Protein backbone atom coordinates (compact mmCIF):
# COMPACT_ATOMS: atom_id res chain seq x y z
CA MET A 1 58.74 99.74 136.69
CA LEU A 2 61.50 97.17 137.22
CA PHE A 3 60.66 95.34 133.95
CA LEU A 4 60.66 98.63 132.03
CA GLN A 5 64.08 99.56 133.46
CA ARG A 6 65.53 96.19 132.44
CA LEU A 7 64.09 96.48 128.94
CA LEU A 8 65.37 100.03 128.56
CA GLY A 9 68.82 98.99 129.89
CA ALA A 10 68.97 96.09 127.43
CA LEU A 11 68.02 98.35 124.50
CA ILE A 12 70.60 100.95 125.49
CA GLY A 13 73.24 98.21 125.86
CA VAL A 14 72.49 96.82 122.40
CA ALA A 15 72.56 100.33 120.92
CA LEU A 16 75.94 101.03 122.55
CA LEU A 17 77.31 97.71 121.29
CA VAL A 18 76.20 98.49 117.73
CA ALA A 19 77.69 101.99 118.01
CA ALA A 20 80.98 100.54 119.29
CA PHE A 21 81.17 98.12 116.33
CA PHE A 22 80.42 100.98 113.96
CA VAL A 23 83.13 103.23 115.42
CA ALA A 24 85.65 100.35 115.46
CA SER A 25 84.97 99.50 111.82
CA VAL A 26 85.34 103.15 110.76
CA LEU A 27 88.61 103.47 112.69
CA LEU A 28 89.89 100.23 111.18
CA ALA A 29 89.08 101.49 107.69
CA VAL A 30 90.82 104.82 108.35
CA VAL A 31 93.95 103.07 109.68
CA ALA A 32 93.97 100.69 106.71
CA VAL A 33 93.70 103.54 104.19
CA ALA A 34 96.40 105.54 106.00
CA GLY A 35 98.70 102.49 106.02
CA LEU A 36 98.09 101.88 102.33
CA ALA A 37 98.79 105.54 101.56
CA LEU A 38 102.02 105.44 103.57
CA TRP A 39 103.15 102.25 101.80
CA ALA A 40 102.34 103.79 98.39
CA TRP A 41 104.26 106.97 99.26
CA VAL A 42 107.35 105.01 100.39
CA TRP A 43 107.17 102.83 97.29
CA TRP A 44 106.84 105.90 95.03
CA ARG A 45 109.80 107.63 96.69
CA THR A 46 112.07 104.58 96.46
CA ARG A 47 111.12 103.22 93.04
CA ASN A 48 114.04 104.87 91.21
CA LEU A 49 116.78 104.16 93.73
CA PRO A 50 119.76 102.40 92.15
CA ARG A 51 119.84 98.68 92.71
CA ARG A 52 122.99 97.52 94.46
CA PRO A 53 124.46 94.16 93.51
CA ALA A 54 124.32 91.61 96.28
CA ALA A 55 127.74 90.94 97.74
CA GLY A 56 128.67 87.32 98.25
CA ALA A 57 128.84 86.05 101.81
CA GLY A 58 132.23 86.73 103.30
CA THR A 59 133.78 88.29 100.17
CA GLY A 60 134.09 91.82 101.56
CA THR A 61 132.39 95.09 100.76
CA VAL A 62 131.43 96.06 97.22
CA LEU A 63 132.10 99.72 96.32
CA ASP A 64 131.80 100.59 92.63
CA GLY A 65 132.85 97.10 91.62
CA GLU A 66 135.94 97.09 93.87
CA VAL A 67 136.16 94.44 96.57
CA ILE A 68 137.86 95.45 99.80
CA GLU A 69 138.97 92.48 101.86
CA GLY A 70 140.56 92.39 105.27
CA GLU A 71 140.80 90.69 108.61
CA TYR A 72 140.16 91.91 112.10
CA ARG A 73 140.89 90.76 115.60
CA ILE A 74 139.06 91.66 118.79
CA GLU A 75 141.48 92.57 121.54
CA ARG A 76 140.31 92.68 125.09
CA GLU A 77 141.27 95.72 127.15
CA VAL A 78 143.35 94.75 130.17
CA ARG A 79 143.53 97.21 133.03
CA SER A 80 145.73 97.09 136.06
CA ARG A 81 145.05 98.63 139.40
CA ASN A 82 147.61 101.35 138.72
CA ASP A 83 145.62 102.58 135.69
CA ASP A 84 142.64 103.44 137.91
CA LEU A 85 144.75 105.65 140.21
CA ARG A 86 145.88 108.03 137.46
């Protein structure tokens, strides 16, 4: 009986392994098709968007052909002890 149990256990194990590979391959195919469909939908929705000209590095922002330039400075906030009491 012990040999028969081992043989049956081995056959069931092989069958479960084959079933797991089958399920994994089906799931992989479904995910791949869904990803391809999502990519195609995004491409289709964005195909007619207007192309914006690339702005040069550090030249400012391009809005309808007009360049807006400017400078900025980061100022640190300084608090005194009296500010916390108010």
